Amino acid sequence: MSAPDWHRLDLETLAGELRSTLPPAEAEKMVWAFEQALAAARIDGDLLRYLLAATASLVARAEGSSPRAVFEAFFRRSVSDEDWRERYSDLIA
């Protein structure tokens, strides 16, 4: 799979899916988060890795845990690989 062209990526389809499957407040927060991450990716795709690490560190500090604990908790709650491939992956193309 080739690297995405962050400048051409349109989040509308993904936003529609999130809005149709999540509670309204949660959907809007996720859409906002994707918009912020995409803005960083448009500056430099490598920034996403730094943004992920920084965010995990800030969440860890707020929760009194560690970045590893944050990632492990998110991993347990994340969609399965099959759901990702079937439902979401193509929405970020």
C-alpha atoms as a PDB file:
ATOM      1  CA  MET A   1       0.000   0.000   0.000  1.00  0.00           C
ATOM      2  CA  SER A   2       1.375   3.419  -0.924  1.00  0.00           C
ATOM      3  CA  ALA A   3       1.654   6.305   1.505  1.00  0.00           C
ATOM      4  CA  PRO A   4      -1.466   8.464   1.633  1.00  0.00           C
ATOM      5  CA  ASP A   5      -1.512  11.863  -0.005  1.00  0.00           C
ATOM      6  CA  TRP A   6      -2.460  13.800   3.112  1.00  0.00           C
ATOM      7  CA  HIS A   7      -3.282  16.914   1.080  1.00  0.00           C
ATOM      8  CA  ARG A   8      -5.901  15.091  -0.987  1.00  0.00           C
ATOM      9  CA  LEU A   9      -7.441  13.116   1.882  1.00  0.00           C
ATOM     10  CA  ASP A  10     -11.048  14.091   2.576  1.00  0.00           C
ATOM     11  CA  LEU A  11     -12.455  13.095   5.960  1.00  0.00           C
ATOM     12  CA  GLU A  12     -16.138  13.566   5.070  1.00  0.00           C
ATOM     13  CA  THR A  13     -16.907   9.871   4.523  1.00  0.00           C
ATOM     14  CA  LEU A  14     -15.118   8.896   7.717  1.00  0.00           C
ATOM     15  CA  ALA A  15     -16.867  11.697   9.598  1.00  0.00           C
ATOM     16  CA  GLY A  16     -20.222  10.434   8.329  1.00  0.00           C
ATOM     17  CA  GLU A  17     -19.426   6.901   9.500  1.00  0.00           C
ATOM     18  CA  LEU A  18     -18.358   8.140  12.930  1.00  0.00           C
ATOM     19  CA  ARG A  19     -21.465  10.289  13.255  1.00  0.00           C
ATOM     20  CA  SER A  20     -23.709   7.373  12.319  1.00  0.00           C
ATOM     21  CA  THR A  21     -22.107   4.894  14.736  1.00  0.00           C
ATOM     22  CA  LEU A  22     -21.078   6.890  17.812  1.00  0.00           C
ATOM     23  CA  PRO A  23     -23.010   8.990  20.307  1.00  0.00           C
ATOM     24  CA  PRO A  24     -23.133  12.589  18.987  1.00  0.00           C
ATOM     25  CA  ALA A  25     -20.677  14.171  21.444  1.00  0.00           C
ATOM     26  CA  GLU A  26     -18.163  11.350  21.048  1.00  0.00           C
ATOM     27  CA  ALA A  27     -18.469  11.447  17.248  1.00  0.00           C
ATOM     28  CA  GLU A  28     -17.767  15.180  17.125  1.00  0.00           C
ATOM     29  CA  LYS A  29     -14.723  14.771  19.361  1.00  0.00           C
ATOM     30  CA  MET A  30     -13.386  12.016  17.110  1.00  0.00           C
ATOM     31  CA  VAL A  31     -13.995  14.073  13.974  1.00  0.00           C
ATOM     32  CA  TRP A  32     -12.171  17.007  15.572  1.00  0.00           C
ATOM     33  CA  ALA A  33      -9.266  14.737  16.566  1.00  0.00           C
ATOM     34  CA  PHE A  34      -8.975  13.397  13.016  1.00  0.00           C
ATOM     35  CA  GLU A  35      -8.999  16.939  11.651  1.00  0.00           C
ATOM     36  CA  GLN A  36      -6.167  17.937  13.994  1.00  0.00           C
ATOM     37  CA  ALA A  37      -4.114  14.847  13.170  1.00  0.00           C
ATOM     38  CA  LEU A  38      -4.645  15.385   9.452  1.00  0.00           C
ATOM     39  CA  ALA A  39      -3.486  18.987   9.786  1.00  0.00           C
ATOM     40  CA  ALA A  40      -0.254  17.719  11.365  1.00  0.00           C
ATOM     41  CA  ALA A  41       0.155  15.042   8.677  1.00  0.00           C
ATOM     42  CA  ARG A  42      -0.202  17.680   5.982  1.00  0.00           C
ATOM     43  CA  ILE A  43       2.779  19.505   7.489  1.00  0.00           C
ATOM     44  CA  ASP A  44       4.831  16.294   7.637  1.00  0.00           C
ATOM     45  CA  GLY A  45       3.522  12.721   7.817  1.00  0.00           C
ATOM     46  CA  ASP A  46       6.243  11.831  10.322  1.00  0.00           C
ATOM     47  CA  LEU A  47       4.620  14.217  12.802  1.00  0.00           C
ATOM     48  CA  LEU A  48       1.861  11.649  13.378  1.00  0.00           C
ATOM     49  CA  ARG A  49       4.262   9.401  15.300  1.00  0.00           C
ATOM     50  CA  TYR A  50       5.363  12.325  17.466  1.00  0.00           C
ATOM     51  CA  LEU A  51       1.757  13.397  17.995  1.00  0.00           C
ATOM     52  CA  LEU A  52       0.827   9.863  19.050  1.00  0.00           C
ATOM     53  CA  ALA A  53       3.692   9.682  21.558  1.00  0.00           C
ATOM     54  CA  ALA A  54       2.994  13.161  22.919  1.00  0.00           C
ATOM     55  CA  THR A  55      -0.716  12.456  23.300  1.00  0.00           C
ATOM     56  CA  ALA A  56      -0.094   9.144  25.090  1.00  0.00           C
ATOM     57  CA  SER A  57       2.325  10.916  27.423  1.00  0.00           C
ATOM     58  CA  LEU A  58      -0.154  13.674  28.245  1.00  0.00           C
ATOM     59  CA  VAL A  59      -2.961  11.165  28.854  1.00  0.00           C
ATOM     60  CA  ALA A  60      -0.629   9.101  31.038  1.00  0.00           C
ATOM     61  CA  ARG A  61       0.241  12.158  33.105  1.00  0.00           C
ATOM     62  CA  ALA A  62      -3.424  13.120  33.479  1.00  0.00           C
ATOM     63  CA  GLU A  63      -4.337   9.586  34.560  1.00  0.00           C
ATOM     64  CA  GLY A  64      -1.298   8.999  36.759  1.00  0.00           C
ATOM     65  CA  SER A  65      -0.206   6.034  34.655  1.00  0.00           C
ATOM     66  CA  SER A  66       2.329   5.490  31.875  1.00  0.00           C
ATOM     67  CA  PRO A  67       2.248   5.767  28.090  1.00  0.00           C
ATOM     68  CA  ARG A  68       2.443   1.966  27.879  1.00  0.00           C
ATOM     69  CA  ALA A  69      -0.626   1.632  30.117  1.00  0.00           C
ATOM     70  CA  VAL A  70      -2.457   4.175  27.970  1.00  0.00           C
ATOM     71  CA  PHE A  71      -1.643   2.245  24.782  1.00  0.00           C
ATOM     72  CA  GLU A  72      -2.604  -1.083  26.368  1.00  0.00           C
ATOM     73  CA  ALA A  73      -5.981   0.302  27.484  1.00  0.00           C
ATOM     74  CA  PHE A  74      -6.662   1.709  24.014  1.00  0.00           C
ATOM     75  CA  PHE A  75      -5.557  -1.544  22.405  1.00  0.00           C
ATOM     76  CA  ARG A  76      -8.101  -3.514  24.453  1.00  0.00           C
ATOM     77  CA  ARG A  77     -10.908  -1.121  23.403  1.00  0.00           C
ATOM     78  CA  SER A  78      -9.953  -0.728  19.747  1.00  0.00           C
ATOM     79  CA  VAL A  79     -11.803  -2.279  16.837  1.00  0.00           C
ATOM     80  CA  SER A  80     -10.581  -5.648  15.623  1.00  0.00           C
ATOM     81  CA  ASP A  81      -8.216  -5.863  12.664  1.00  0.00           C
ATOM     82  CA  GLU A  82     -11.046  -7.356  10.619  1.00  0.00           C
ATOM     83  CA  ASP A  83     -13.408  -4.475  11.467  1.00  0.00           C
ATOM     84  CA  TRP A  84     -10.652  -1.984  10.677  1.00  0.00           C
ATOM     85  CA  ARG A  85     -10.034  -3.487   7.253  1.00  0.00           C
ATOM     86  CA  GLU A  86     -13.717  -3.974   6.391  1.00  0.00           C
ATOM     87  CA  ARG A  87     -15.169  -0.764   7.798  1.00  0.00           C
ATOM     88  CA  TYR A  88     -12.650   2.006   8.346  1.00  0.00           C
ATOM     89  CA  SER A  89      -9.424   1.541   6.389  1.00  0.00           C
ATOM     90  CA  ASP A  90     -10.899   2.499   3.026  1.00  0.00           C
ATOM     91  CA  LEU A  91     -12.460   5.611   4.559  1.00  0.00           C
ATOM     92  CA  ILE A  92      -8.958   6.962   5.100  1.00  0.00           C
ATOM     93  CA  ALA A  93      -7.820   6.655   1.506  1.00  0.00           C
END
